Amino acid sequence: MKINFTFKQFIVLNFWKKLAFMLPAVLLMGVFVSILIEIGWGTDPASFMNLNIAAVLNWGIGNTEVLVYGLMLIFTILFGAQMIGFGTLANMILIGYVVDLCRWIWEKTGFHDFIANGGFGQNLVVFIIALLLFVIVAAIYMNAQMGVAPYDAMPQIISGWLPKIPFSIIRIIFDLSAVGIGVIFGLINSDGIQGSAVGSVVMSLLLGPVIAIVGKPLGKILE
């Protein structure tokens, strides 16, 4: 098996410009995911899966994502190494630890209690704002084209093996599988499922298309 990888692929055209967009976007993804977790109405499928795995392992999200995405990275290196770049490592390493840090900050500053004790209307506003901003920064991250996250690389690789099946179908099945894995770990956990499986299923169906739509004008800026 030939692994199609070279360190030159880390140095993309307009490297510093794209890095200036990609790195803050990754950090902000962690911030907004932490808020979505606090509200508990659902997150992106990968975060839902990692949240429930972390609960079983009694780990933080950061360590859990490094483990899970590290395993996925091995798969990516073997079958889609050309997709790896700085963005791959930033997504894999930074988002989870930013989530852990933010949730600690929310606990210490009272934002956790603000959400926990807030009414439906208040939390709905916070949820919509956090979700909208998550979509925007996720679109910026993807359009920076500095490498694909291991989680995102796997369905692309599988799609290459199954060319007759539309990528959108493969991606939805992959995301729903991640939610399913999260549910399984949630059932193992004595504290039950963390977050909303229903909300995460809805996001499995909607986040991808919405991010693609938002990403079109952003992609022109990053070209």
N, C-alpha and C. Protein backbone atom coordinates (compact mmCIF):
# COMPACT_ATOMS: atom_id res chain seq x y z
N MET A 1 0.84 -1.20 0.00
CA MET A 1 0.00 0.00 0.00
C MET A 1 0.88 1.25 0.00
N LYS A 2 0.66 2.12 -0.97
CA LYS A 2 1.41 3.36 -1.07
C LYS A 2 0.66 4.48 -0.36
N ILE A 3 1.34 5.12 0.60
CA ILE A 3 0.74 6.22 1.34
C ILE A 3 1.10 7.53 0.64
N ASN A 4 0.11 8.21 0.14
CA ASN A 4 0.31 9.43 -0.65
C ASN A 4 0.38 10.64 0.29
N PHE A 5 1.52 10.83 0.92
CA PHE A 5 1.68 11.91 1.89
C PHE A 5 3.04 12.57 1.74
N THR A 6 3.06 13.88 1.83
CA THR A 6 4.30 14.64 1.85
C THR A 6 4.11 15.86 2.74
N PHE A 7 5.15 16.25 3.45
CA PHE A 7 5.04 17.41 4.34
C PHE A 7 4.81 18.70 3.56
N LYS A 8 5.09 18.68 2.25
CA LYS A 8 4.86 19.87 1.44
C LYS A 8 3.38 20.24 1.39
N GLN A 9 2.50 19.26 1.60
CA GLN A 9 1.07 19.55 1.52
C GLN A 9 0.59 20.41 2.70
N PHE A 10 1.43 20.56 3.72
CA PHE A 10 1.09 21.43 4.84
C PHE A 10 1.21 22.91 4.43
N ILE A 11 2.04 23.18 3.42
CA ILE A 11 2.28 24.56 2.99
C ILE A 11 1.41 24.82 1.76
N VAL A 12 0.23 25.37 2.00
CA VAL A 12 -0.73 25.60 0.93
C VAL A 12 -0.58 27.03 0.40
N LEU A 13 -1.19 27.29 -0.75
CA LEU A 13 -1.18 28.63 -1.33
C LEU A 13 -1.88 29.61 -0.37
N ASN A 14 -1.32 30.80 -0.25
CA ASN A 14 -1.84 31.80 0.69
C ASN A 14 -1.87 31.26 2.12
N PHE A 15 -0.77 30.61 2.51
CA PHE A 15 -0.70 29.89 3.78
C PHE A 15 -1.05 30.78 4.97
N TRP A 16 -0.39 31.96 5.09
CA TRP A 16 -0.58 32.78 6.29
C TRP A 16 -1.98 33.38 6.34
N LYS A 17 -2.51 33.75 5.19
CA LYS A 17 -3.86 34.28 5.13
C LYS A 17 -4.87 33.23 5.58
N LYS A 18 -4.71 32.02 5.07
CA LYS A 18 -5.64 30.95 5.43
C LYS A 18 -5.48 30.54 6.89
N LEU A 19 -4.23 30.53 7.38
CA LEU A 19 -4.00 30.20 8.79
C LEU A 19 -4.66 31.23 9.69
N ALA A 20 -4.63 32.50 9.28
CA ALA A 20 -5.23 33.57 10.07
C ALA A 20 -6.75 33.42 10.18
N PHE A 21 -7.36 32.76 9.21
CA PHE A 21 -8.78 32.47 9.27
C PHE A 21 -9.04 31.13 9.98
N MET A 22 -8.23 30.12 9.63
CA MET A 22 -8.50 28.77 10.11
C MET A 22 -8.32 28.62 11.62
N LEU A 23 -7.22 29.14 12.15
CA LEU A 23 -6.92 28.89 13.56
C LEU A 23 -7.94 29.52 14.50
N PRO A 24 -8.30 30.81 14.33
CA PRO A 24 -9.37 31.36 15.18
C PRO A 24 -10.70 30.64 14.99
N ALA A 25 -10.97 30.17 13.76
CA ALA A 25 -12.23 29.46 13.51
C ALA A 25 -12.28 28.17 14.32
N VAL A 26 -11.16 27.44 14.37
CA VAL A 26 -11.11 26.20 15.14
C VAL A 26 -11.32 26.49 16.62
N LEU A 27 -10.65 27.52 17.14
CA LEU A 27 -10.80 27.86 18.55
C LEU A 27 -12.25 28.25 18.87
N LEU A 28 -12.86 29.03 17.98
CA LEU A 28 -14.24 29.46 18.20
C LEU A 28 -15.22 28.29 18.07
N MET A 29 -14.91 27.31 17.23
CA MET A 29 -15.75 26.12 17.16
C MET A 29 -15.82 25.45 18.53
N GLY A 30 -14.69 25.39 19.21
CA GLY A 30 -14.67 24.82 20.55
C GLY A 30 -15.53 25.62 21.52
N VAL A 31 -15.47 26.96 21.42
CA VAL A 31 -16.26 27.83 22.30
C VAL A 31 -17.75 27.56 22.09
N PHE A 32 -18.19 27.54 20.83
CA PHE A 32 -19.62 27.41 20.56
C PHE A 32 -20.12 25.99 20.83
N VAL A 33 -19.27 24.99 20.62
CA VAL A 33 -19.66 23.62 20.98
C VAL A 33 -19.87 23.52 22.48
N SER A 34 -19.00 24.18 23.25
CA SER A 34 -19.14 24.14 24.72
C SER A 34 -20.47 24.74 25.15
N ILE A 35 -20.92 25.79 24.47
CA ILE A 35 -22.21 26.40 24.81
C ILE A 35 -23.35 25.47 24.44
N LEU A 36 -23.26 24.84 23.28
CA LEU A 36 -24.29 23.88 22.86
C LEU A 36 -24.38 22.71 23.85
N ILE A 37 -23.24 22.27 24.34
CA ILE A 37 -23.23 21.19 25.34
C ILE A 37 -23.90 21.65 26.63
N GLU A 38 -23.61 22.88 27.05
CA GLU A 38 -24.21 23.41 28.27
C GLU A 38 -25.74 23.44 28.15
N ILE A 39 -26.25 23.86 26.99
CA ILE A 39 -27.70 23.93 26.81
C ILE A 39 -28.32 22.54 26.77
N GLY A 40 -27.62 21.59 26.12
CA GLY A 40 -28.07 20.19 26.15
C GLY A 40 -29.14 19.83 25.14
N TRP A 41 -29.30 20.64 24.10
CA TRP A 41 -30.34 20.37 23.10
C TRP A 41 -29.78 19.67 21.87
N GLY A 42 -28.53 19.35 21.90
CA GLY A 42 -27.91 18.68 20.77
C GLY A 42 -26.70 19.43 20.27
N THR A 43 -25.75 18.69 19.73
CA THR A 43 -24.54 19.26 19.16
C THR A 43 -24.32 18.61 17.79
N ASP A 44 -23.21 18.97 17.17
CA ASP A 44 -22.84 18.25 15.96
C ASP A 44 -22.60 16.78 16.33
N PRO A 45 -22.79 15.84 15.39
CA PRO A 45 -22.70 14.41 15.71
C PRO A 45 -21.37 13.99 16.34
N ALA A 46 -20.26 14.55 15.84
CA ALA A 46 -18.95 14.16 16.38
C ALA A 46 -18.84 14.55 17.85
N SER A 47 -19.29 15.76 18.19
CA SER A 47 -19.20 16.21 19.59
C SER A 47 -20.12 15.38 20.48
N PHE A 48 -21.30 15.02 19.98
CA PHE A 48 -22.21 14.18 20.76
C PHE A 48 -21.56 12.83 21.05
N MET A 49 -20.94 12.24 20.04
CA MET A 49 -20.26 10.96 20.22
C MET A 49 -19.12 11.09 21.25
N ASN A 50 -18.28 12.09 21.07
CA ASN A 50 -17.13 12.25 21.96
C ASN A 50 -17.55 12.59 23.39
N LEU A 51 -18.63 13.36 23.52
CA LEU A 51 -19.14 13.71 24.85
C LEU A 51 -19.54 12.47 25.63
N ASN A 52 -20.19 11.53 24.97
CA ASN A 52 -20.65 10.32 25.65
C ASN A 52 -19.52 9.32 25.87
N ILE A 53 -18.56 9.27 24.95
CA ILE A 53 -17.39 8.43 25.18
C ILE A 53 -16.60 8.96 26.36
N ALA A 54 -16.45 10.29 26.42
CA ALA A 54 -15.72 10.92 27.52
C ALA A 54 -16.37 10.62 28.87
N ALA A 55 -17.72 10.60 28.89
CA ALA A 55 -18.43 10.35 30.14
C ALA A 55 -18.16 8.93 30.64
N VAL A 56 -18.07 7.97 29.73
CA VAL A 56 -17.79 6.59 30.13
C VAL A 56 -16.34 6.44 30.60
N LEU A 57 -15.42 7.09 29.88
CA LEU A 57 -14.00 6.99 30.24
C LEU A 57 -13.65 7.86 31.44
N ASN A 58 -14.59 8.77 31.80
CA ASN A 58 -14.33 9.75 32.86
C ASN A 58 -13.14 10.64 32.49
N TRP A 59 -13.10 11.00 31.22
CA TRP A 59 -12.06 11.88 30.69
C TRP A 59 -12.67 13.22 30.31
N GLY A 60 -11.81 14.18 30.02
CA GLY A 60 -12.26 15.41 29.41
C GLY A 60 -12.51 15.19 27.93
N ILE A 61 -13.21 16.14 27.32
CA ILE A 61 -13.46 16.05 25.88
C ILE A 61 -12.16 16.12 25.10
N GLY A 62 -11.20 16.92 25.57
CA GLY A 62 -9.94 17.09 24.86
C GLY A 62 -9.20 15.78 24.70
N ASN A 63 -8.97 15.07 25.82
CA ASN A 63 -8.27 13.79 25.74
C ASN A 63 -9.04 12.78 24.91
N THR A 64 -10.37 12.80 25.03
CA THR A 64 -11.19 11.86 24.29
C THR A 64 -11.09 12.10 22.79
N GLU A 65 -11.14 13.37 22.38
CA GLU A 65 -11.06 13.66 20.95
C GLU A 65 -9.69 13.30 20.39
N VAL A 66 -8.64 13.52 21.15
CA VAL A 66 -7.31 13.12 20.67
C VAL A 66 -7.27 11.61 20.45
N LEU A 67 -7.87 10.84 21.37
CA LEU A 67 -7.91 9.39 21.22
C LEU A 67 -8.74 8.98 20.02
N VAL A 68 -9.98 9.46 19.95
CA VAL A 68 -10.90 9.04 18.88
C VAL A 68 -10.40 9.51 17.52
N TYR A 69 -10.02 10.77 17.44
CA TYR A 69 -9.55 11.30 16.15
C TYR A 69 -8.18 10.75 15.80
N GLY A 70 -7.41 10.37 16.83
CA GLY A 70 -6.12 9.73 16.55
C GLY A 70 -6.31 8.40 15.83
N LEU A 71 -7.32 7.63 16.27
CA LEU A 71 -7.63 6.37 15.58
C LEU A 71 -8.12 6.64 14.16
N MET A 72 -8.95 7.67 14.02
CA MET A 72 -9.42 8.03 12.69
C MET A 72 -8.29 8.55 11.81
N LEU A 73 -7.31 9.21 12.43
CA LEU A 73 -6.17 9.72 11.68
C LEU A 73 -5.36 8.59 11.07
N ILE A 74 -5.23 7.49 11.81
CA ILE A 74 -4.52 6.32 11.26
C ILE A 74 -5.21 5.85 9.99
N PHE A 75 -6.54 5.76 10.03
CA PHE A 75 -7.33 5.38 8.86
C PHE A 75 -7.09 6.36 7.72
N THR A 76 -7.06 7.65 8.05
CA THR A 76 -6.86 8.69 7.03
C THR A 76 -5.47 8.61 6.42
N ILE A 77 -4.46 8.37 7.24
CA ILE A 77 -3.09 8.24 6.73
C ILE A 77 -2.99 7.08 5.75
N LEU A 78 -3.67 5.99 6.06
CA LEU A 78 -3.59 4.80 5.22
C LEU A 78 -4.32 4.97 3.90
N PHE A 79 -5.46 5.65 3.92
CA PHE A 79 -6.31 5.65 2.73
C PHE A 79 -6.59 7.04 2.15
N GLY A 80 -6.20 8.10 2.84
CA GLY A 80 -6.45 9.44 2.30
C GLY A 80 -5.46 10.45 2.84
N ALA A 81 -4.19 10.08 2.85
CA ALA A 81 -3.16 10.92 3.48
C ALA A 81 -3.06 12.30 2.84
N GLN A 82 -3.47 12.42 1.57
CA GLN A 82 -3.39 13.72 0.90
C GLN A 82 -4.34 14.74 1.49
N MET A 83 -5.28 14.31 2.33
CA MET A 83 -6.23 15.23 2.96
C MET A 83 -5.68 15.89 4.22
N ILE A 84 -4.52 15.44 4.69
CA ILE A 84 -3.99 15.91 5.97
C ILE A 84 -3.25 17.23 5.80
N GLY A 85 -3.45 18.13 6.76
CA GLY A 85 -2.75 19.41 6.77
C GLY A 85 -2.78 20.00 8.16
N PHE A 86 -2.40 21.25 8.28
CA PHE A 86 -2.41 21.92 9.59
C PHE A 86 -3.81 21.94 10.19
N GLY A 87 -4.80 22.11 9.34
CA GLY A 87 -6.17 22.13 9.83
C GLY A 87 -6.60 20.82 10.44
N THR A 88 -6.05 19.72 9.92
CA THR A 88 -6.35 18.40 10.46
C THR A 88 -5.92 18.31 11.92
N LEU A 89 -4.68 18.72 12.17
CA LEU A 89 -4.13 18.64 13.52
C LEU A 89 -4.80 19.65 14.45
N ALA A 90 -5.09 20.85 13.93
CA ALA A 90 -5.74 21.87 14.76
C ALA A 90 -7.11 21.39 15.22
N ASN A 91 -7.88 20.84 14.31
CA ASN A 91 -9.20 20.32 14.67
C ASN A 91 -9.10 19.19 15.67
N MET A 92 -8.19 18.29 15.43
CA MET A 92 -8.04 17.09 16.26
C MET A 92 -7.58 17.42 17.68
N ILE A 93 -6.71 18.41 17.82
CA ILE A 93 -6.08 18.67 19.11
C ILE A 93 -6.75 19.80 19.88
N LEU A 94 -7.15 20.87 19.18
CA LEU A 94 -7.55 22.09 19.88
C LEU A 94 -9.00 22.13 20.33
N ILE A 95 -9.93 21.69 19.48
CA ILE A 95 -11.35 21.90 19.78
C ILE A 95 -11.75 21.30 21.12
N GLY A 96 -11.38 20.06 21.36
CA GLY A 96 -11.78 19.39 22.59
C GLY A 96 -11.26 20.08 23.84
N TYR A 97 -10.00 20.52 23.79
CA TYR A 97 -9.43 21.18 24.96
C TYR A 97 -10.03 22.57 25.16
N VAL A 98 -10.40 23.24 24.08
CA VAL A 98 -11.11 24.52 24.20
C VAL A 98 -12.48 24.29 24.85
N VAL A 99 -13.15 23.21 24.47
CA VAL A 99 -14.44 22.87 25.09
C VAL A 99 -14.26 22.67 26.59
N ASP A 100 -13.25 21.90 26.98
CA ASP A 100 -13.00 21.65 28.40
C ASP A 100 -12.71 22.96 29.14
N LEU A 101 -11.87 23.81 28.55
CA LEU A 101 -11.52 25.07 29.19
C LEU A 101 -12.74 25.97 29.33
N CYS A 102 -13.53 26.07 28.28
CA CYS A 102 -14.71 26.93 28.32
C CYS A 102 -15.73 26.44 29.34
N ARG A 103 -15.94 25.13 29.41
CA ARG A 103 -16.91 24.61 30.36
C ARG A 103 -16.44 24.88 31.79
N TRP A 104 -15.13 24.86 32.04
CA TRP A 104 -14.59 25.23 33.35
C TRP A 104 -14.85 26.71 33.62
N ILE A 105 -14.64 27.53 32.58
CA ILE A 105 -14.90 28.97 32.73
C ILE A 105 -16.38 29.23 32.98
N TRP A 106 -17.25 28.53 32.24
CA TRP A 106 -18.70 28.72 32.43
C TRP A 106 -19.10 28.35 33.85
N GLU A 107 -18.46 27.33 34.41
CA GLU A 107 -18.77 26.91 35.79
C GLU A 107 -18.33 27.98 36.79
N LYS A 108 -17.15 28.53 36.56
CA LYS A 108 -16.59 29.49 37.51
C LYS A 108 -17.24 30.86 37.42
N THR A 109 -17.71 31.23 36.24
CA THR A 109 -18.25 32.57 36.05
C THR A 109 -19.76 32.65 36.23
N GLY A 110 -20.42 31.50 36.40
CA GLY A 110 -21.86 31.49 36.59
C GLY A 110 -22.67 31.32 35.32
N PHE A 111 -21.99 31.24 34.16
CA PHE A 111 -22.72 31.06 32.91
C PHE A 111 -23.43 29.70 32.89
N HIS A 112 -22.81 28.70 33.52
CA HIS A 112 -23.44 27.38 33.61
C HIS A 112 -24.77 27.47 34.35
N ASP A 113 -24.78 28.19 35.47
CA ASP A 113 -26.02 28.36 36.24
C ASP A 113 -27.03 29.21 35.47
N PHE A 114 -26.52 30.18 34.72
CA PHE A 114 -27.38 31.04 33.89
C PHE A 114 -28.16 30.19 32.89
N ILE A 115 -27.49 29.21 32.29
CA ILE A 115 -28.15 28.32 31.34
C ILE A 115 -29.06 27.33 32.06
N ALA A 116 -28.53 26.74 33.15
CA ALA A 116 -29.29 25.72 33.87
C ALA A 116 -30.58 26.27 34.45
N ASN A 117 -30.55 27.51 34.88
CA ASN A 117 -31.73 28.11 35.51
C ASN A 117 -32.54 28.98 34.56
N GLY A 118 -32.10 29.07 33.33
CA GLY A 118 -32.77 29.93 32.37
C GLY A 118 -34.05 29.32 31.83
N GLY A 119 -34.95 30.15 31.42
CA GLY A 119 -36.19 29.68 30.82
C GLY A 119 -35.99 29.25 29.38
N PHE A 120 -37.03 28.70 28.80
CA PHE A 120 -36.95 28.19 27.42
C PHE A 120 -36.60 29.30 26.44
N GLY A 121 -37.24 30.45 26.57
CA GLY A 121 -36.99 31.55 25.65
C GLY A 121 -35.56 32.02 25.68
N GLN A 122 -35.03 32.19 26.89
CA GLN A 122 -33.65 32.64 27.04
C GLN A 122 -32.68 31.65 26.42
N ASN A 123 -32.85 30.38 26.74
CA ASN A 123 -31.93 29.37 26.22
C ASN A 123 -32.09 29.18 24.72
N LEU A 124 -33.30 29.40 24.21
CA LEU A 124 -33.51 29.30 22.77
C LEU A 124 -32.69 30.36 22.04
N VAL A 125 -32.68 31.58 22.57
CA VAL A 125 -31.90 32.65 21.96
C VAL A 125 -30.42 32.31 21.98
N VAL A 126 -29.92 31.84 23.14
CA VAL A 126 -28.51 31.48 23.27
C VAL A 126 -28.18 30.34 22.31
N PHE A 127 -29.08 29.36 22.22
CA PHE A 127 -28.87 28.20 21.35
C PHE A 127 -28.77 28.63 19.88
N ILE A 128 -29.68 29.47 19.44
CA ILE A 128 -29.70 29.91 18.04
C ILE A 128 -28.44 30.70 17.72
N ILE A 129 -28.04 31.60 18.62
CA ILE A 129 -26.84 32.40 18.38
C ILE A 129 -25.60 31.50 18.32
N ALA A 130 -25.48 30.57 19.29
CA ALA A 130 -24.31 29.69 19.33
C ALA A 130 -24.27 28.79 18.09
N LEU A 131 -25.43 28.27 17.69
CA LEU A 131 -25.48 27.38 16.53
C LEU A 131 -25.15 28.14 15.25
N LEU A 132 -25.70 29.34 15.10
CA LEU A 132 -25.42 30.14 13.92
C LEU A 132 -23.94 30.48 13.81
N LEU A 133 -23.34 30.89 14.92
CA LEU A 133 -21.92 31.24 14.91
C LEU A 133 -21.06 30.00 14.70
N PHE A 134 -21.49 28.85 15.22
CA PHE A 134 -20.77 27.60 14.98
C PHE A 134 -20.76 27.28 13.49
N VAL A 135 -21.90 27.43 12.84
CA VAL A 135 -22.00 27.16 11.40
C VAL A 135 -21.04 28.07 10.62
N ILE A 136 -20.98 29.34 10.98
CA ILE A 136 -20.13 30.29 10.28
C ILE A 136 -18.66 29.92 10.44
N VAL A 137 -18.23 29.68 11.68
CA VAL A 137 -16.80 29.38 11.89
C VAL A 137 -16.44 28.01 11.33
N ALA A 138 -17.37 27.06 11.34
CA ALA A 138 -17.10 25.76 10.73
C ALA A 138 -16.93 25.92 9.22
N ALA A 139 -17.73 26.78 8.61
CA ALA A 139 -17.60 27.04 7.18
C ALA A 139 -16.26 27.72 6.87
N ILE A 140 -15.84 28.63 7.73
CA ILE A 140 -14.54 29.28 7.54
C ILE A 140 -13.43 28.24 7.63
N TYR A 141 -13.49 27.38 8.64
CA TYR A 141 -12.48 26.33 8.80
C TYR A 141 -12.39 25.45 7.55
N MET A 142 -13.53 25.00 7.06
CA MET A 142 -13.53 24.09 5.92
C MET A 142 -13.04 24.77 4.65
N ASN A 143 -13.42 26.03 4.46
CA ASN A 143 -13.05 26.74 3.25
C ASN A 143 -11.60 27.24 3.27
N ALA A 144 -10.97 27.21 4.43
CA ALA A 144 -9.55 27.54 4.49
C ALA A 144 -8.71 26.51 3.75
N GLN A 145 -9.24 25.29 3.62
CA GLN A 145 -8.60 24.22 2.85
C GLN A 145 -7.16 23.97 3.32
N MET A 146 -7.01 23.83 4.63
CA MET A 146 -5.70 23.53 5.20
C MET A 146 -5.65 22.12 5.77
N GLY A 147 -6.45 21.26 5.20
CA GLY A 147 -6.51 19.88 5.68
C GLY A 147 -7.87 19.56 6.24
N VAL A 148 -8.23 18.31 6.17
CA VAL A 148 -9.55 17.85 6.59
C VAL A 148 -9.44 17.17 7.95
N ALA A 149 -10.39 17.46 8.84
CA ALA A 149 -10.42 16.78 10.13
C ALA A 149 -10.56 15.28 9.91
N PRO A 150 -9.94 14.46 10.77
CA PRO A 150 -10.05 13.00 10.59
C PRO A 150 -11.49 12.53 10.51
N TYR A 151 -12.37 13.14 11.30
CA TYR A 151 -13.79 12.75 11.27
C TYR A 151 -14.40 13.04 9.91
N ASP A 152 -14.04 14.17 9.31
CA ASP A 152 -14.59 14.54 8.00
C ASP A 152 -13.92 13.78 6.86
N ALA A 153 -12.68 13.35 7.08
CA ALA A 153 -11.96 12.63 6.03
C ALA A 153 -12.56 11.24 5.78
N MET A 154 -13.00 10.58 6.84
CA MET A 154 -13.46 9.20 6.70
C MET A 154 -14.63 9.05 5.72
N PRO A 155 -15.70 9.86 5.81
CA PRO A 155 -16.77 9.70 4.82
C PRO A 155 -16.32 10.04 3.41
N GLN A 156 -15.36 10.94 3.26
CA GLN A 156 -14.85 11.25 1.92
C GLN A 156 -14.11 10.05 1.34
N ILE A 157 -13.34 9.38 2.18
CA ILE A 157 -12.63 8.18 1.73
C ILE A 157 -13.61 7.08 1.36
N ILE A 158 -14.60 6.88 2.22
CA ILE A 158 -15.61 5.85 1.95
C ILE A 158 -16.37 6.18 0.67
N SER A 159 -16.65 7.45 0.45
CA SER A 159 -17.34 7.87 -0.77
C SER A 159 -16.54 7.51 -2.01
N GLY A 160 -15.21 7.62 -1.90
CA GLY A 160 -14.35 7.24 -3.02
C GLY A 160 -14.43 5.76 -3.34
N TRP A 161 -14.71 4.96 -2.33
CA TRP A 161 -14.86 3.52 -2.53
C TRP A 161 -16.23 3.15 -3.08
N LEU A 162 -17.20 4.02 -2.87
CA LEU A 162 -18.59 3.75 -3.28
C LEU A 162 -19.08 4.88 -4.19
N PRO A 163 -18.52 5.01 -5.37
CA PRO A 163 -18.83 6.16 -6.23
C PRO A 163 -20.28 6.24 -6.69
N LYS A 164 -21.01 5.14 -6.66
CA LYS A 164 -22.40 5.15 -7.13
C LYS A 164 -23.36 5.72 -6.08
N ILE A 165 -22.89 5.86 -4.84
CA ILE A 165 -23.73 6.40 -3.77
C ILE A 165 -23.39 7.87 -3.58
N PRO A 166 -24.37 8.77 -3.63
CA PRO A 166 -24.08 10.20 -3.44
C PRO A 166 -23.37 10.46 -2.12
N PHE A 167 -22.41 11.39 -2.16
CA PHE A 167 -21.65 11.68 -0.95
C PHE A 167 -22.56 12.14 0.19
N SER A 168 -23.60 12.91 -0.14
CA SER A 168 -24.50 13.41 0.90
C SER A 168 -25.14 12.27 1.69
N ILE A 169 -25.46 11.19 1.01
CA ILE A 169 -26.05 10.02 1.69
C ILE A 169 -25.03 9.36 2.59
N ILE A 170 -23.81 9.21 2.08
CA ILE A 170 -22.75 8.59 2.88
C ILE A 170 -22.46 9.44 4.11
N ARG A 171 -22.45 10.76 3.94
CA ARG A 171 -22.15 11.64 5.07
C ARG A 171 -23.25 11.57 6.12
N ILE A 172 -24.49 11.55 5.69
CA ILE A 172 -25.59 11.47 6.65
C ILE A 172 -25.53 10.15 7.42
N ILE A 173 -25.28 9.05 6.71
CA ILE A 173 -25.18 7.74 7.38
C ILE A 173 -24.01 7.74 8.36
N PHE A 174 -22.90 8.35 7.96
CA PHE A 174 -21.73 8.41 8.85
C PHE A 174 -22.05 9.22 10.10
N ASP A 175 -22.71 10.37 9.92
CA ASP A 175 -23.06 11.21 11.07
C ASP A 175 -24.06 10.51 11.98
N LEU A 176 -25.04 9.83 11.39
CA LEU A 176 -26.01 9.11 12.20
C LEU A 176 -25.34 7.96 12.95
N SER A 177 -24.32 7.35 12.34
CA SER A 177 -23.57 6.30 13.02
C SER A 177 -22.84 6.85 14.23
N ALA A 178 -22.30 8.08 14.08
CA ALA A 178 -21.62 8.71 15.21
C ALA A 178 -22.59 8.96 16.35
N VAL A 179 -23.80 9.42 16.00
CA VAL A 179 -24.83 9.62 17.03
C VAL A 179 -25.17 8.28 17.68
N GLY A 180 -25.26 7.23 16.86
CA GLY A 180 -25.55 5.90 17.39
C GLY A 180 -24.48 5.42 18.36
N ILE A 181 -23.22 5.67 18.02
CA ILE A 181 -22.12 5.30 18.92
C ILE A 181 -22.26 6.08 20.23
N GLY A 182 -22.60 7.37 20.12
CA GLY A 182 -22.80 8.17 21.33
C GLY A 182 -23.91 7.63 22.19
N VAL A 183 -25.01 7.19 21.57
CA VAL A 183 -26.13 6.62 22.31
C VAL A 183 -25.71 5.34 23.02
N ILE A 184 -24.95 4.49 22.33
CA ILE A 184 -24.47 3.23 22.93
C ILE A 184 -23.64 3.51 24.17
N PHE A 185 -22.70 4.46 24.06
CA PHE A 185 -21.88 4.80 25.22
C PHE A 185 -22.73 5.46 26.31
N GLY A 186 -23.74 6.23 25.90
CA GLY A 186 -24.64 6.83 26.88
C GLY A 186 -25.41 5.79 27.67
N LEU A 187 -25.80 4.71 26.99
CA LEU A 187 -26.53 3.64 27.67
C LEU A 187 -25.61 2.88 28.63
N ILE A 188 -24.33 2.83 28.29
CA ILE A 188 -23.36 2.18 29.19
C ILE A 188 -23.12 3.04 30.42
N ASN A 189 -23.14 4.35 30.24
CA ASN A 189 -22.86 5.30 31.31
C ASN A 189 -23.96 5.27 32.37
N SER A 190 -23.58 5.20 33.62
CA SER A 190 -24.56 5.15 34.71
C SER A 190 -25.36 6.45 34.81
N ASP A 191 -24.80 7.55 34.31
CA ASP A 191 -25.50 8.83 34.34
C ASP A 191 -26.38 9.04 33.12
N GLY A 192 -26.41 8.07 32.23
CA GLY A 192 -27.27 8.16 31.07
C GLY A 192 -26.64 8.91 29.91
N ILE A 193 -27.43 9.13 28.87
CA ILE A 193 -26.96 9.81 27.67
C ILE A 193 -26.71 11.29 27.96
N GLN A 194 -25.55 11.77 27.54
CA GLN A 194 -25.20 13.17 27.71
C GLN A 194 -25.64 13.95 26.48
N GLY A 195 -26.39 15.02 26.68
CA GLY A 195 -26.87 15.79 25.56
C GLY A 195 -28.12 15.17 24.95
N SER A 196 -28.56 15.74 23.86
CA SER A 196 -29.79 15.29 23.20
C SER A 196 -29.46 14.49 21.95
N ALA A 197 -29.84 13.22 21.94
CA ALA A 197 -29.64 12.40 20.75
C ALA A 197 -30.53 12.89 19.61
N VAL A 198 -31.76 13.29 19.96
CA VAL A 198 -32.69 13.77 18.93
C VAL A 198 -32.15 15.04 18.26
N GLY A 199 -31.70 15.98 19.08
CA GLY A 199 -31.14 17.21 18.52
C GLY A 199 -29.93 16.95 17.66
N SER A 200 -29.10 16.01 18.07
CA SER A 200 -27.90 15.68 17.30
C SER A 200 -28.25 14.98 15.99
N VAL A 201 -29.33 14.18 16.00
CA VAL A 201 -29.80 13.57 14.76
C VAL A 201 -30.26 14.64 13.78
N VAL A 202 -31.00 15.62 14.29
CA VAL A 202 -31.46 16.72 13.44
C VAL A 202 -30.26 17.46 12.84
N MET A 203 -29.25 17.69 13.66
CA MET A 203 -28.06 18.37 13.16
C MET A 203 -27.31 17.51 12.14
N SER A 204 -27.38 16.19 12.30
CA SER A 204 -26.77 15.30 11.31
C SER A 204 -27.36 15.53 9.93
N LEU A 205 -28.65 15.84 9.89
CA LEU A 205 -29.35 16.02 8.62
C LEU A 205 -29.19 17.43 8.07
N LEU A 206 -29.02 18.42 8.94
CA LEU A 206 -29.09 19.81 8.50
C LEU A 206 -27.75 20.54 8.47
N LEU A 207 -26.83 20.21 9.36
CA LEU A 207 -25.61 21.01 9.49
C LEU A 207 -24.79 21.03 8.21
N GLY A 208 -24.61 19.86 7.60
CA GLY A 208 -23.79 19.78 6.40
C GLY A 208 -24.26 20.70 5.29
N PRO A 209 -25.53 20.61 4.87
CA PRO A 209 -26.04 21.50 3.82
C PRO A 209 -25.96 22.98 4.20
N VAL A 210 -26.27 23.30 5.46
CA VAL A 210 -26.24 24.71 5.88
C VAL A 210 -24.82 25.25 5.85
N ILE A 211 -23.86 24.48 6.34
CA ILE A 211 -22.46 24.90 6.31
C ILE A 211 -21.99 25.09 4.88
N ALA A 212 -22.43 24.21 3.97
CA ALA A 212 -22.05 24.33 2.56
C ALA A 212 -22.59 25.63 1.96
N ILE A 213 -23.83 25.97 2.30
CA ILE A 213 -24.45 27.20 1.77
C ILE A 213 -23.71 28.43 2.31
N VAL A 214 -23.47 28.45 3.62
CA VAL A 214 -22.78 29.58 4.23
C VAL A 214 -21.35 29.68 3.71
N GLY A 215 -20.76 28.53 3.41
CA GLY A 215 -19.35 28.50 3.00
C GLY A 215 -19.07 29.04 1.62
N LYS A 216 -20.08 29.12 0.75
CA LYS A 216 -19.84 29.58 -0.63
C LYS A 216 -19.27 30.97 -0.70
N PRO A 217 -19.89 31.98 -0.06
CA PRO A 217 -19.28 33.33 -0.10
C PRO A 217 -17.97 33.41 0.67
N LEU A 218 -17.85 32.63 1.75
CA LEU A 218 -16.60 32.64 2.52
C LEU A 218 -15.46 32.05 1.72
N GLY A 219 -15.77 31.04 0.90
CA GLY A 219 -14.74 30.41 0.08
C GLY A 219 -14.11 31.41 -0.88
N LYS A 220 -14.90 32.33 -1.41
CA LYS A 220 -14.38 33.33 -2.35
C LYS A 220 -13.40 34.28 -1.64
N ILE A 221 -13.68 34.58 -0.38
CA ILE A 221 -12.79 35.46 0.39
C ILE A 221 -11.45 34.80 0.61
N LEU A 222 -11.46 33.47 0.83
CA LEU A 222 -10.22 32.76 1.16
C LEU A 222 -9.44 32.33 -0.05
N GLU A 223 -9.99 32.47 -1.24
CA GLU A 223 -9.27 32.09 -2.45
C GLU A 223 -8.09 33.04 -2.69
